[in-house]
Amino acid sequence: MHGVVEEELALVAWSWHSHGMARTRISTTVDGDRLARARRLFGGPDSELIDRALVLLLRRLDAEREVAAITAAPYEDDPELAWTAPPGPDLPYDGEVPAEVARLAAERRAAYDA
């Protein structure tokens, strides 16, 4: 996982750490060089570093489980999921975006940015 996802997960870990989540003390042995590098790169308390690592690990493990489940039971093998959508009408947007659509999009962007 890279970039935006890691930043979002870091915010989640920080908010859990900073807003009264039940805390559990841990004591363990880890690779010293890897820990030193993580501390140097992270620059925060060890508790926040471990929280962030746990969030990322859990996300990775969930993703691996999802991939394993899909591999074991592909969508194509499930009659409820393996269907072909009926053809729909051709979209008439080969040229310019209609003015009304552009206006609505601009309004929504302005409301989002506010």
PDB file of N, CA and C in Angstrom:
ATOM      1  N   MET A   1       0.850  -1.182   0.000  1.00  0.00           N
ATOM      2  CA  MET A   1       0.000   0.000   0.000  1.00  0.00           C
ATOM      3  C   MET A   1       0.887   1.235   0.000  1.00  0.00           C
ATOM      4  N   HIS A   2       0.490   2.199  -0.772  1.00  0.00           N
ATOM      5  CA  HIS A   2       1.333   3.370  -0.884  1.00  0.00           C
ATOM      6  C   HIS A   2       0.506   4.641  -0.873  1.00  0.00           C
ATOM      7  N   GLY A   3       1.154   5.741  -0.535  1.00  0.00           N
ATOM      8  CA  GLY A   3       0.582   7.065  -0.744  1.00  0.00           C
ATOM      9  C   GLY A   3      -0.633   7.375   0.089  1.00  0.00           C
ATOM     10  N   VAL A   4      -1.729   7.698  -0.594  1.00  0.00           N
ATOM     11  CA  VAL A   4      -2.932   8.191   0.053  1.00  0.00           C
ATOM     12  C   VAL A   4      -3.478   7.191   1.061  1.00  0.00           C
ATOM     13  N   VAL A   5      -3.495   5.908   0.705  1.00  0.00           N
ATOM     14  CA  VAL A   5      -4.029   4.898   1.609  1.00  0.00           C
ATOM     15  C   VAL A   5      -3.242   4.883   2.906  1.00  0.00           C
ATOM     16  N   GLU A   6      -1.926   4.904   2.813  1.00  0.00           N
ATOM     17  CA  GLU A   6      -1.108   4.905   4.023  1.00  0.00           C
ATOM     18  C   GLU A   6      -1.369   6.154   4.854  1.00  0.00           C
ATOM     19  N   GLU A   7      -1.516   7.300   4.203  1.00  0.00           N
ATOM     20  CA  GLU A   7      -1.787   8.533   4.942  1.00  0.00           C
ATOM     21  C   GLU A   7      -3.129   8.456   5.650  1.00  0.00           C
ATOM     22  N   GLU A   8      -4.153   7.918   4.969  1.00  0.00           N
ATOM     23  CA  GLU A   8      -5.466   7.781   5.598  1.00  0.00           C
ATOM     24  C   GLU A   8      -5.400   6.838   6.779  1.00  0.00           C
ATOM     25  N   LEU A   9      -4.680   5.715   6.614  1.00  0.00           N
ATOM     26  CA  LEU A   9      -4.570   4.766   7.707  1.00  0.00           C
ATOM     27  C   LEU A   9      -3.796   5.349   8.874  1.00  0.00           C
ATOM     28  N   ALA A  10      -2.813   6.170   8.579  1.00  0.00           N
ATOM     29  CA  ALA A  10      -2.058   6.826   9.647  1.00  0.00           C
ATOM     30  C   ALA A  10      -2.971   7.736  10.450  1.00  0.00           C
ATOM     31  N   LEU A  11      -3.864   8.434   9.762  1.00  0.00           N
ATOM     32  CA  LEU A  11      -4.811   9.299  10.466  1.00  0.00           C
ATOM     33  C   LEU A  11      -5.747   8.485  11.339  1.00  0.00           C
ATOM     34  N   VAL A  12      -6.184   7.330  10.835  1.00  0.00           N
ATOM     35  CA  VAL A  12      -7.046   6.459  11.628  1.00  0.00           C
ATOM     36  C   VAL A  12      -6.303   6.007  12.877  1.00  0.00           C
ATOM     37  N   ALA A  13      -5.072   5.540  12.697  1.00  0.00           N
ATOM     38  CA  ALA A  13      -4.286   5.078  13.843  1.00  0.00           C
ATOM     39  C   ALA A  13      -4.073   6.204  14.830  1.00  0.00           C
ATOM     40  N   TRP A  14      -3.781   7.398  14.325  1.00  0.00           N
ATOM     41  CA  TRP A  14      -3.551   8.525  15.219  1.00  0.00           C
ATOM     42  C   TRP A  14      -4.825   8.857  15.988  1.00  0.00           C
ATOM     43  N   SER A  15      -5.974   8.838  15.295  1.00  0.00           N
ATOM     44  CA  SER A  15      -7.210   9.195  15.981  1.00  0.00           C
ATOM     45  C   SER A  15      -7.549   8.152  17.032  1.00  0.00           C
ATOM     46  N   TRP A  16      -7.286   6.862  16.747  1.00  0.00           N
ATOM     47  CA  TRP A  16      -7.524   5.849  17.765  1.00  0.00           C
ATOM     48  C   TRP A  16      -6.610   6.100  18.956  1.00  0.00           C
ATOM     49  N   HIS A  17      -5.373   6.419  18.665  1.00  0.00           N
ATOM     50  CA  HIS A  17      -4.406   6.620  19.735  1.00  0.00           C
ATOM     51  C   HIS A  17      -4.759   7.827  20.585  1.00  0.00           C
ATOM     52  N   SER A  18      -5.302   8.849  19.960  1.00  0.00           N
ATOM     53  CA  SER A  18      -5.476  10.122  20.634  1.00  0.00           C
ATOM     54  C   SER A  18      -6.860  10.342  21.231  1.00  0.00           C
ATOM     55  N   HIS A  19      -7.799   9.439  21.007  1.00  0.00           N
ATOM     56  CA  HIS A  19      -9.156   9.712  21.452  1.00  0.00           C
ATOM     57  C   HIS A  19      -9.733   8.627  22.346  1.00  0.00           C
ATOM     58  N   GLY A  20      -9.006   8.237  23.345  1.00  0.00           N
ATOM     59  CA  GLY A  20      -9.546   7.416  24.412  1.00  0.00           C
ATOM     60  C   GLY A  20      -9.789   5.954  24.090  1.00  0.00           C
ATOM     61  N   MET A  21      -9.172   5.416  23.054  1.00  0.00           N
ATOM     62  CA  MET A  21      -9.330   3.998  22.772  1.00  0.00           C
ATOM     63  C   MET A  21      -8.679   3.211  23.911  1.00  0.00           C
ATOM     64  N   ALA A  22      -9.266   2.061  24.243  1.00  0.00           N
ATOM     65  CA  ALA A  22      -8.672   1.217  25.284  1.00  0.00           C
ATOM     66  C   ALA A  22      -7.253   0.839  24.861  1.00  0.00           C
ATOM     67  N   ARG A  23      -6.330   0.983  25.756  1.00  0.00           N
ATOM     68  CA  ARG A  23      -4.924   0.717  25.449  1.00  0.00           C
ATOM     69  C   ARG A  23      -4.488  -0.584  26.120  1.00  0.00           C
ATOM     70  N   THR A  24      -3.594  -1.321  25.469  1.00  0.00           N
ATOM     71  CA  THR A  24      -3.032  -2.551  26.008  1.00  0.00           C
ATOM     72  C   THR A  24      -1.525  -2.454  25.933  1.00  0.00           C
ATOM     73  N   ARG A  25      -0.867  -2.727  27.031  1.00  0.00           N
ATOM     74  CA  ARG A  25       0.594  -2.696  27.059  1.00  0.00           C
ATOM     75  C   ARG A  25       1.118  -3.970  26.425  1.00  0.00           C
ATOM     76  N   ILE A  26       2.141  -3.839  25.569  1.00  0.00           N
ATOM     77  CA  ILE A  26       2.770  -5.012  24.964  1.00  0.00           C
ATOM     78  C   ILE A  26       4.255  -4.997  25.264  1.00  0.00           C
ATOM     79  N   SER A  27       4.828  -6.189  25.270  1.00  0.00           N
ATOM     80  CA  SER A  27       6.265  -6.341  25.413  1.00  0.00           C
ATOM     81  C   SER A  27       6.664  -7.455  24.459  1.00  0.00           C
ATOM     82  N   THR A  28       7.586  -7.159  23.569  1.00  0.00           N
ATOM     83  CA  THR A  28       7.977  -8.147  22.573  1.00  0.00           C
ATOM     84  C   THR A  28       9.392  -7.890  22.103  1.00  0.00           C
ATOM     85  N   THR A  29       9.916  -8.806  21.331  1.00  0.00           N
ATOM     86  CA  THR A  29      11.236  -8.670  20.738  1.00  0.00           C
ATOM     87  C   THR A  29      11.048  -8.555  19.228  1.00  0.00           C
ATOM     88  N   VAL A  30      11.676  -7.554  18.632  1.00  0.00           N
ATOM     89  CA  VAL A  30      11.561  -7.329  17.188  1.00  0.00           C
ATOM     90  C   VAL A  30      12.946  -7.134  16.593  1.00  0.00           C
ATOM     91  N   ASP A  31      13.019  -7.093  15.289  1.00  0.00           N
ATOM     92  CA  ASP A  31      14.270  -6.825  14.584  1.00  0.00           C
ATOM     93  C   ASP A  31      14.722  -5.408  14.935  1.00  0.00           C
ATOM     94  N   GLY A  32      15.869  -5.292  15.559  1.00  0.00           N
ATOM     95  CA  GLY A  32      16.367  -4.010  16.035  1.00  0.00           C
ATOM     96  C   GLY A  32      16.620  -2.993  14.940  1.00  0.00           C
ATOM     97  N   ASP A  33      17.206  -3.437  13.840  1.00  0.00           N
ATOM     98  CA  ASP A  33      17.485  -2.522  12.733  1.00  0.00           C
ATOM     99  C   ASP A  33      16.191  -2.001  12.111  1.00  0.00           C
ATOM    100  N   ARG A  34      15.230  -2.893  11.934  1.00  0.00           N
ATOM    101  CA  ARG A  34      13.955  -2.494  11.345  1.00  0.00           C
ATOM    102  C   ARG A  34      13.230  -1.507  12.265  1.00  0.00           C
ATOM    103  N   LEU A  35      13.262  -1.753  13.568  1.00  0.00           N
ATOM    104  CA  LEU A  35      12.625  -0.843  14.512  1.00  0.00           C
ATOM    105  C   LEU A  35      13.312   0.523  14.505  1.00  0.00           C
ATOM    106  N   ALA A  36      14.631   0.519  14.486  1.00  0.00           N
ATOM    107  CA  ALA A  36      15.372   1.786  14.472  1.00  0.00           C
ATOM    108  C   ALA A  36      15.031   2.590  13.212  1.00  0.00           C
ATOM    109  N   ARG A  37      14.949   1.910  12.081  1.00  0.00           N
ATOM    110  CA  ARG A  37      14.607   2.604  10.829  1.00  0.00           C
ATOM    111  C   ARG A  37      13.181   3.146  10.886  1.00  0.00           C
ATOM    112  N   ALA A  38      12.249   2.342  11.387  1.00  0.00           N
ATOM    113  CA  ALA A  38      10.853   2.784  11.497  1.00  0.00           C
ATOM    114  C   ALA A  38      10.742   3.991  12.419  1.00  0.00           C
ATOM    115  N   ARG A  39      11.453   3.955  13.544  1.00  0.00           N
ATOM    116  CA  ARG A  39      11.428   5.100  14.474  1.00  0.00           C
ATOM    117  C   ARG A  39      11.965   6.350  13.796  1.00  0.00           C
ATOM    118  N   ARG A  40      13.063   6.186  13.050  1.00  0.00           N
ATOM    119  CA  ARG A  40      13.679   7.318  12.367  1.00  0.00           C
ATOM    120  C   ARG A  40      12.719   7.910  11.324  1.00  0.00           C
ATOM    121  N   LEU A  41      12.088   7.061  10.539  1.00  0.00           N
ATOM    122  CA  LEU A  41      11.193   7.523   9.483  1.00  0.00           C
ATOM    123  C   LEU A  41       9.876   8.077  10.038  1.00  0.00           C
ATOM    124  N   PHE A  42       9.358   7.443  11.088  1.00  0.00           N
ATOM    125  CA  PHE A  42       8.069   7.844  11.628  1.00  0.00           C
ATOM    126  C   PHE A  42       8.186   9.103  12.482  1.00  0.00           C
ATOM    127  N   GLY A  43       9.144   9.125  13.371  1.00  0.00           N
ATOM    128  CA  GLY A  43       9.381  10.317  14.177  1.00  0.00           C
ATOM    129  C   GLY A  43       8.381  10.569  15.292  1.00  0.00           C
ATOM    130  N   GLY A  44       7.552   9.598  15.617  1.00  0.00           N
ATOM    131  CA  GLY A  44       6.574   9.768  16.691  1.00  0.00           C
ATOM    132  C   GLY A  44       6.809   8.741  17.777  1.00  0.00           C
ATOM    133  N   PRO A  45       5.946   8.746  18.782  1.00  0.00           N
ATOM    134  CA  PRO A  45       6.085   7.780  19.881  1.00  0.00           C
ATOM    135  C   PRO A  45       5.928   6.334  19.392  1.00  0.00           C
ATOM    136  N   ASP A  46       6.586   5.408  20.064  1.00  0.00           N
ATOM    137  CA  ASP A  46       6.497   4.005  19.693  1.00  0.00           C
ATOM    138  C   ASP A  46       5.056   3.511  19.686  1.00  0.00           C
ATOM    139  N   SER A  47       4.231   3.979  20.607  1.00  0.00           N
ATOM    140  CA  SER A  47       2.844   3.517  20.666  1.00  0.00           C
ATOM    141  C   SER A  47       2.095   3.878  19.384  1.00  0.00           C
ATOM    142  N   GLU A  48       2.323   5.073  18.866  1.00  0.00           N
ATOM    143  CA  GLU A  48       1.673   5.468  17.606  1.00  0.00           C
ATOM    144  C   GLU A  48       2.265   4.694  16.427  1.00  0.00           C
ATOM    145  N   LEU A  49       3.559   4.440  16.479  1.00  0.00           N
ATOM    146  CA  LEU A  49       4.217   3.655  15.432  1.00  0.00           C
ATOM    147  C   LEU A  49       3.612   2.254  15.370  1.00  0.00           C
ATOM    148  N   ILE A  50       3.446   1.609  16.512  1.00  0.00           N
ATOM    149  CA  ILE A  50       2.878   0.258  16.553  1.00  0.00           C
ATOM    150  C   ILE A  50       1.412   0.287  16.119  1.00  0.00           C
ATOM    151  N   ASP A  51       0.647   1.287  16.577  1.00  0.00           N
ATOM    152  CA  ASP A  51      -0.750   1.403  16.149  1.00  0.00           C
ATOM    153  C   ASP A  51      -0.842   1.502  14.627  1.00  0.00           C
ATOM    154  N   ARG A  52      -0.008   2.328  14.044  1.00  0.00           N
ATOM    155  CA  ARG A  52      -0.022   2.507  12.587  1.00  0.00           C
ATOM    156  C   ARG A  52       0.351   1.204  11.892  1.00  0.00           C
ATOM    157  N   ALA A  53       1.366   0.528  12.406  1.00  0.00           N
ATOM    158  CA  ALA A  53       1.781  -0.745  11.818  1.00  0.00           C
ATOM    159  C   ALA A  53       0.659  -1.776  11.910  1.00  0.00           C
ATOM    160  N   LEU A  54      -0.047  -1.810  13.037  1.00  0.00           N
ATOM    161  CA  LEU A  54      -1.146  -2.764  13.194  1.00  0.00           C
ATOM    162  C   LEU A  54      -2.286  -2.471  12.230  1.00  0.00           C
ATOM    163  N   VAL A  55      -2.622  -1.204  12.055  1.00  0.00           N
ATOM    164  CA  VAL A  55      -3.686  -0.840  11.109  1.00  0.00           C
ATOM    165  C   VAL A  55      -3.308  -1.304   9.707  1.00  0.00           C
ATOM    166  N   LEU A  56      -2.079  -1.012   9.299  1.00  0.00           N
ATOM    167  CA  LEU A  56      -1.633  -1.420   7.969  1.00  0.00           C
ATOM    168  C   LEU A  56      -1.596  -2.940   7.823  1.00  0.00           C
ATOM    169  N   LEU A  57      -1.145  -3.632   8.854  1.00  0.00           N
ATOM    170  CA  LEU A  57      -1.105  -5.092   8.821  1.00  0.00           C
ATOM    171  C   LEU A  57      -2.511  -5.669   8.693  1.00  0.00           C
ATOM    172  N   LEU A  58      -3.451  -5.147   9.484  1.00  0.00           N
ATOM    173  CA  LEU A  58      -4.828  -5.646   9.419  1.00  0.00           C
ATOM    174  C   LEU A  58      -5.441  -5.410   8.052  1.00  0.00           C
ATOM    175  N   ARG A  59      -5.196  -4.246   7.466  1.00  0.00           N
ATOM    176  CA  ARG A  59      -5.703  -3.979   6.121  1.00  0.00           C
ATOM    177  C   ARG A  59      -5.109  -4.964   5.115  1.00  0.00           C
ATOM    178  N   ARG A  60      -3.816  -5.200   5.218  1.00  0.00           N
ATOM    179  CA  ARG A  60      -3.148  -6.126   4.296  1.00  0.00           C
ATOM    180  C   ARG A  60      -3.714  -7.534   4.463  1.00  0.00           C
ATOM    181  N   LEU A  61      -3.890  -7.985   5.715  1.00  0.00           N
ATOM    182  CA  LEU A  61      -4.419  -9.324   5.954  1.00  0.00           C
ATOM    183  C   LEU A  61      -5.855  -9.458   5.454  1.00  0.00           C
ATOM    184  N   ASP A  62      -6.669  -8.429   5.661  1.00  0.00           N
ATOM    185  CA  ASP A  62      -8.041  -8.441   5.134  1.00  0.00           C
ATOM    186  C   ASP A  62      -8.033  -8.548   3.618  1.00  0.00           C
ATOM    187  N   ALA A  63      -7.169  -7.778   2.975  1.00  0.00           N
ATOM    188  CA  ALA A  63      -7.080  -7.821   1.510  1.00  0.00           C
ATOM    189  C   ALA A  63      -6.644  -9.209   1.042  1.00  0.00           C
ATOM    190  N   GLU A  64      -5.678  -9.808   1.717  1.00  0.00           N
ATOM    191  CA  GLU A  64      -5.223 -11.146   1.350  1.00  0.00           C
ATOM    192  C   GLU A  64      -6.345 -12.169   1.512  1.00  0.00           C
ATOM    193  N   ARG A  65      -7.136 -12.035   2.579  1.00  0.00           N
ATOM    194  CA  ARG A  65      -8.269 -12.950   2.788  1.00  0.00           C
ATOM    195  C   ARG A  65      -9.312 -12.775   1.698  1.00  0.00           C
ATOM    196  N   GLU A  66      -9.567 -11.532   1.301  1.00  0.00           N
ATOM    197  CA  GLU A  66     -10.540 -11.288   0.231  1.00  0.00           C
ATOM    198  C   GLU A  66     -10.075 -11.902  -1.080  1.00  0.00           C
ATOM    199  N   VAL A  67      -8.797 -11.739  -1.396  1.00  0.00           N
ATOM    200  CA  VAL A  67      -8.254 -12.319  -2.629  1.00  0.00           C
ATOM    201  C   VAL A  67      -8.348 -13.844  -2.570  1.00  0.00           C
ATOM    202  N   ALA A  68      -8.022 -14.423  -1.423  1.00  0.00           N
ATOM    203  CA  ALA A  68      -8.105 -15.880  -1.285  1.00  0.00           C
ATOM    204  C   ALA A  68      -9.546 -16.365  -1.443  1.00  0.00           C
ATOM    205  N   ALA A  69     -10.500 -15.628  -0.877  1.00  0.00           N
ATOM    206  CA  ALA A  69     -11.907 -16.016  -0.995  1.00  0.00           C
ATOM    207  C   ALA A  69     -12.381 -15.925  -2.442  1.00  0.00           C
ATOM    208  N   ILE A  70     -11.986 -14.869  -3.140  1.00  0.00           N
ATOM    209  CA  ILE A  70     -12.390 -14.715  -4.544  1.00  0.00           C
ATOM    210  C   ILE A  70     -11.718 -15.776  -5.412  1.00  0.00           C
ATOM    211  N   THR A  71     -10.476 -16.119  -5.094  1.00  0.00           N
ATOM    212  CA  THR A  71      -9.779 -17.155  -5.839  1.00  0.00           C
ATOM    213  C   THR A  71     -10.446 -18.514  -5.615  1.00  0.00           C
ATOM    214  N   ALA A  72     -10.858 -18.778  -4.371  1.00  0.00           N
ATOM    215  CA  ALA A  72     -11.496 -20.055  -4.050  1.00  0.00           C
ATOM    216  C   ALA A  72     -12.902 -20.151  -4.636  1.00  0.00           C
ATOM    217  N   ALA A  73     -13.603 -19.039  -4.737  1.00  0.00           N
ATOM    218  CA  ALA A  73     -14.973 -19.026  -5.260  1.00  0.00           C
ATOM    219  C   ALA A  73     -15.126 -17.839  -6.206  1.00  0.00           C
ATOM    220  N   PRO A  74     -14.624 -17.964  -7.445  1.00  0.00           N
ATOM    221  CA  PRO A  74     -14.676 -16.841  -8.392  1.00  0.00           C
ATOM    222  C   PRO A  74     -16.113 -16.420  -8.704  1.00  0.00           C
ATOM    223  N   TYR A  75     -16.271 -15.144  -8.972  1.00  0.00           N
ATOM    224  CA  TYR A  75     -17.584 -14.615  -9.324  1.00  0.00           C
ATOM    225  C   TYR A  75     -18.194 -15.399 -10.484  1.00  0.00           C
ATOM    226  N   GLU A  76     -17.363 -15.776 -11.451  1.00  0.00           N
ATOM    227  CA  GLU A  76     -17.861 -16.463 -12.641  1.00  0.00           C
ATOM    228  C   GLU A  76     -18.552 -17.774 -12.299  1.00  0.00           C
ATOM    229  N   ASP A  77     -18.195 -18.378 -11.155  1.00  0.00           N
ATOM    230  CA  ASP A  77     -18.782 -19.656 -10.758  1.00  0.00           C
ATOM    231  C   ASP A  77     -20.072 -19.495  -9.958  1.00  0.00           C
ATOM    232  N   ASP A  78     -20.419 -18.279  -9.593  1.00  0.00           N
ATOM    233  CA  ASP A  78     -21.621 -18.022  -8.791  1.00  0.00           C
ATOM    234  C   ASP A  78     -22.734 -17.519  -9.704  1.00  0.00           C
ATOM    235  N   PRO A  79     -23.808 -18.299  -9.855  1.00  0.00           N
ATOM    236  CA  PRO A  79     -24.865 -17.878 -10.774  1.00  0.00           C
ATOM    237  C   PRO A  79     -25.531 -16.559 -10.371  1.00  0.00           C
ATOM    238  N   GLU A  80     -25.481 -16.210  -9.109  1.00  0.00           N
ATOM    239  CA  GLU A  80     -26.060 -14.942  -8.663  1.00  0.00           C
ATOM    240  C   GLU A  80     -25.203 -13.745  -9.089  1.00  0.00           C
ATOM    241  N   LEU A  81     -23.912 -13.981  -9.283  1.00  0.00           N
ATOM    242  CA  LEU A  81     -22.993 -12.891  -9.633  1.00  0.00           C
ATOM    243  C   LEU A  81     -22.570 -12.918 -11.102  1.00  0.00           C
ATOM    244  N   ALA A  82     -22.590 -14.081 -11.704  1.00  0.00           N
ATOM    245  CA  ALA A  82     -22.085 -14.235 -13.075  1.00  0.00           C
ATOM    246  C   ALA A  82     -23.213 -14.054 -14.081  1.00  0.00           C
ATOM    247  N   TRP A  83     -23.583 -12.830 -14.318  1.00  0.00           N
ATOM    248  CA  TRP A  83     -24.613 -12.547 -15.323  1.00  0.00           C
ATOM    249  C   TRP A  83     -24.116 -11.410 -16.197  1.00  0.00           C
ATOM    250  N   THR A  84     -24.656 -11.385 -17.371  1.00  0.00           N
ATOM    251  CA  THR A  84     -24.277 -10.346 -18.319  1.00  0.00           C
ATOM    252  C   THR A  84     -25.353  -9.274 -18.319  1.00  0.00           C
ATOM    253  N   ALA A  85     -24.937  -8.064 -18.145  1.00  0.00           N
ATOM    254  CA  ALA A  85     -25.888  -6.950 -18.161  1.00  0.00           C
ATOM    255  C   ALA A  85     -26.463  -6.809 -19.562  1.00  0.00           C
ATOM    256  N   PRO A  86     -27.771  -6.564 -19.624  1.00  0.00           N
ATOM    257  CA  PRO A  86     -28.355  -6.362 -20.956  1.00  0.00           C
ATOM    258  C   PRO A  86     -27.800  -5.088 -21.575  1.00  0.00           C
ATOM    259  N   PRO A  87     -27.709  -5.060 -22.887  1.00  0.00           N
ATOM    260  CA  PRO A  87     -27.180  -3.850 -23.530  1.00  0.00           C
ATOM    261  C   PRO A  87     -28.113  -2.666 -23.284  1.00  0.00           C
ATOM    262  N   GLY A  88     -27.524  -1.543 -23.039  1.00  0.00           N
ATOM    263  CA  GLY A  88     -28.293  -0.323 -22.817  1.00  0.00           C
ATOM    264  C   GLY A  88     -28.169   0.597 -24.009  1.00  0.00           C
ATOM    265  N   PRO A  89     -28.787   1.737 -23.911  1.00  0.00           N
ATOM    266  CA  PRO A  89     -28.703   2.683 -25.030  1.00  0.00           C
ATOM    267  C   PRO A  89     -27.290   3.251 -25.148  1.00  0.00           C
ATOM    268  N   ASP A  90     -26.938   3.633 -26.337  1.00  0.00           N
ATOM    269  CA  ASP A  90     -25.648   4.288 -26.536  1.00  0.00           C
ATOM    270  C   ASP A  90     -25.655   5.618 -25.796  1.00  0.00           C
ATOM    271  N   LEU A  91     -24.527   5.933 -25.221  1.00  0.00           N
ATOM    272  CA  LEU A  91     -24.428   7.223 -24.532  1.00  0.00           C
ATOM    273  C   LEU A  91     -24.216   8.332 -25.563  1.00  0.00           C
ATOM    274  N   PRO A  92     -24.960   9.405 -25.435  1.00  0.00           N
ATOM    275  CA  PRO A  92     -24.849  10.488 -26.425  1.00  0.00           C
ATOM    276  C   PRO A  92     -23.787  11.523 -26.083  1.00  0.00           C
ATOM    277  N   TYR A  93     -22.702  11.131 -25.417  1.00  0.00           N
ATOM    278  CA  TYR A  93     -21.712  12.113 -24.981  1.00  0.00           C
ATOM    279  C   TYR A  93     -20.400  11.969 -25.727  1.00  0.00           C
ATOM    280  N   ASP A  94     -20.476  11.831 -27.037  1.00  0.00           N
ATOM    281  CA  ASP A  94     -19.261  11.741 -27.837  1.00  0.00           C
ATOM    282  C   ASP A  94     -18.635  13.107 -28.073  1.00  0.00           C
ATOM    283  N   GLY A  95     -19.412  14.158 -27.860  1.00  0.00           N
ATOM    284  CA  GLY A  95     -18.916  15.510 -28.120  1.00  0.00           C
ATOM    285  C   GLY A  95     -18.756  16.272 -26.823  1.00  0.00           C
ATOM    286  N   GLU A  96     -19.243  17.475 -26.786  1.00  0.00           N
ATOM    287  CA  GLU A  96     -19.141  18.350 -25.624  1.00  0.00           C
ATOM    288  C   GLU A  96     -20.061  17.877 -24.493  1.00  0.00           C
ATOM    289  N   VAL A  97     -19.648  18.163 -23.277  1.00  0.00           N
ATOM    290  CA  VAL A  97     -20.503  17.883 -22.129  1.00  0.00           C
ATOM    291  C   VAL A  97     -21.617  18.923 -22.144  1.00  0.00           C
ATOM    292  N   PRO A  98     -22.877  18.478 -21.988  1.00  0.00           N
ATOM    293  CA  PRO A  98     -23.979  19.447 -21.995  1.00  0.00           C
ATOM    294  C   PRO A  98     -23.785  20.517 -20.932  1.00  0.00           C
ATOM    295  N   ALA A  99     -24.164  21.732 -21.227  1.00  0.00           N
ATOM    296  CA  ALA A  99     -23.966  22.879 -20.333  1.00  0.00           C
ATOM    297  C   ALA A  99     -24.591  22.635 -18.967  1.00  0.00           C
ATOM    298  N   GLU A 100     -25.769  22.042 -18.922  1.00  0.00           N
ATOM    299  CA  GLU A 100     -26.443  21.784 -17.644  1.00  0.00           C
ATOM    300  C   GLU A 100     -25.633  20.812 -16.776  1.00  0.00           C
ATOM    301  N   VAL A 101     -25.053  19.793 -17.388  1.00  0.00           N
ATOM    302  CA  VAL A 101     -24.235  18.829 -16.659  1.00  0.00           C
ATOM    303  C   VAL A 101     -22.975  19.516 -16.130  1.00  0.00           C
ATOM    304  N   ALA A 102     -22.341  20.341 -16.944  1.00  0.00           N
ATOM    305  CA  ALA A 102     -21.144  21.066 -16.513  1.00  0.00           C
ATOM    306  C   ALA A 102     -21.472  22.020 -15.366  1.00  0.00           C
ATOM    307  N   ARG A 103     -22.630  22.689 -15.437  1.00  0.00           N
ATOM    308  CA  ARG A 103     -23.040  23.614 -14.373  1.00  0.00           C
ATOM    309  C   ARG A 103     -23.253  22.854 -13.058  1.00  0.00           C
ATOM    310  N   LEU A 104     -23.962  21.720 -13.119  1.00  0.00           N
ATOM    311  CA  LEU A 104     -24.198  20.926 -11.909  1.00  0.00           C
ATOM    312  C   LEU A 104     -22.887  20.418 -11.313  1.00  0.00           C
ATOM    313  N   ALA A 105     -21.972  19.983 -12.167  1.00  0.00           N
ATOM    314  CA  ALA A 105     -20.672  19.506 -11.682  1.00  0.00           C
ATOM    315  C   ALA A 105     -19.906  20.624 -10.998  1.00  0.00           C
ATOM    316  N   ALA A 106     -19.940  21.829 -11.569  1.00  0.00           N
ATOM    317  CA  ALA A 106     -19.254  22.978 -10.966  1.00  0.00           C
ATOM    318  C   ALA A 106     -19.870  23.315  -9.615  1.00  0.00           C
ATOM    319  N   GLU A 107     -21.186  23.262  -9.505  1.00  0.00           N
ATOM    320  CA  GLU A 107     -21.857  23.536  -8.222  1.00  0.00           C
ATOM    321  C   GLU A 107     -21.455  22.515  -7.169  1.00  0.00           C
ATOM    322  N   ARG A 108     -21.414  21.252  -7.560  1.00  0.00           N
ATOM    323  CA  ARG A 108     -21.052  20.201  -6.606  1.00  0.00           C
ATOM    324  C   ARG A 108     -19.598  20.316  -6.168  1.00  0.00           C
ATOM    325  N   ARG A 109     -18.708  20.652  -7.100  1.00  0.00           N
ATOM    326  CA  ARG A 109     -17.307  20.848  -6.732  1.00  0.00           C
ATOM    327  C   ARG A 109     -17.173  22.014  -5.761  1.00  0.00           C
ATOM    328  N   ALA A 110     -17.893  23.102  -6.012  1.00  0.00           N
ATOM    329  CA  ALA A 110     -17.834  24.273  -5.134  1.00  0.00           C
ATOM    330  C   ALA A 110     -18.361  23.919  -3.742  1.00  0.00           C
ATOM    331  N   ALA A 111     -19.437  23.146  -3.682  1.00  0.00           N
ATOM    332  CA  ALA A 111     -19.995  22.759  -2.391  1.00  0.00           C
ATOM    333  C   ALA A 111     -19.029  21.834  -1.647  1.00  0.00           C
ATOM    334  N   TYR A 112     -18.345  20.955  -2.384  1.00  0.00           N
ATOM    335  CA  TYR A 112     -17.381  20.038  -1.783  1.00  0.00           C
ATOM    336  C   TYR A 112     -16.171  20.784  -1.241  1.00  0.00           C
ATOM    337  N   ASP A 113     -15.711  21.795  -1.994  1.00  0.00           N
ATOM    338  CA  ASP A 113     -14.528  22.544  -1.592  1.00  0.00           C
ATOM    339  C   ASP A 113     -14.810  23.514  -0.439  1.00  0.00           C
ATOM    340  N   ALA A 114     -16.081  23.831  -0.201  1.00  0.00           N
ATOM    341  CA  ALA A 114     -16.446  24.819   0.841  1.00  0.00           C
ATOM    342  C   ALA A 114     -16.217  24.292   2.224  1.00  0.00           C
TER     343      ALA A 114
END
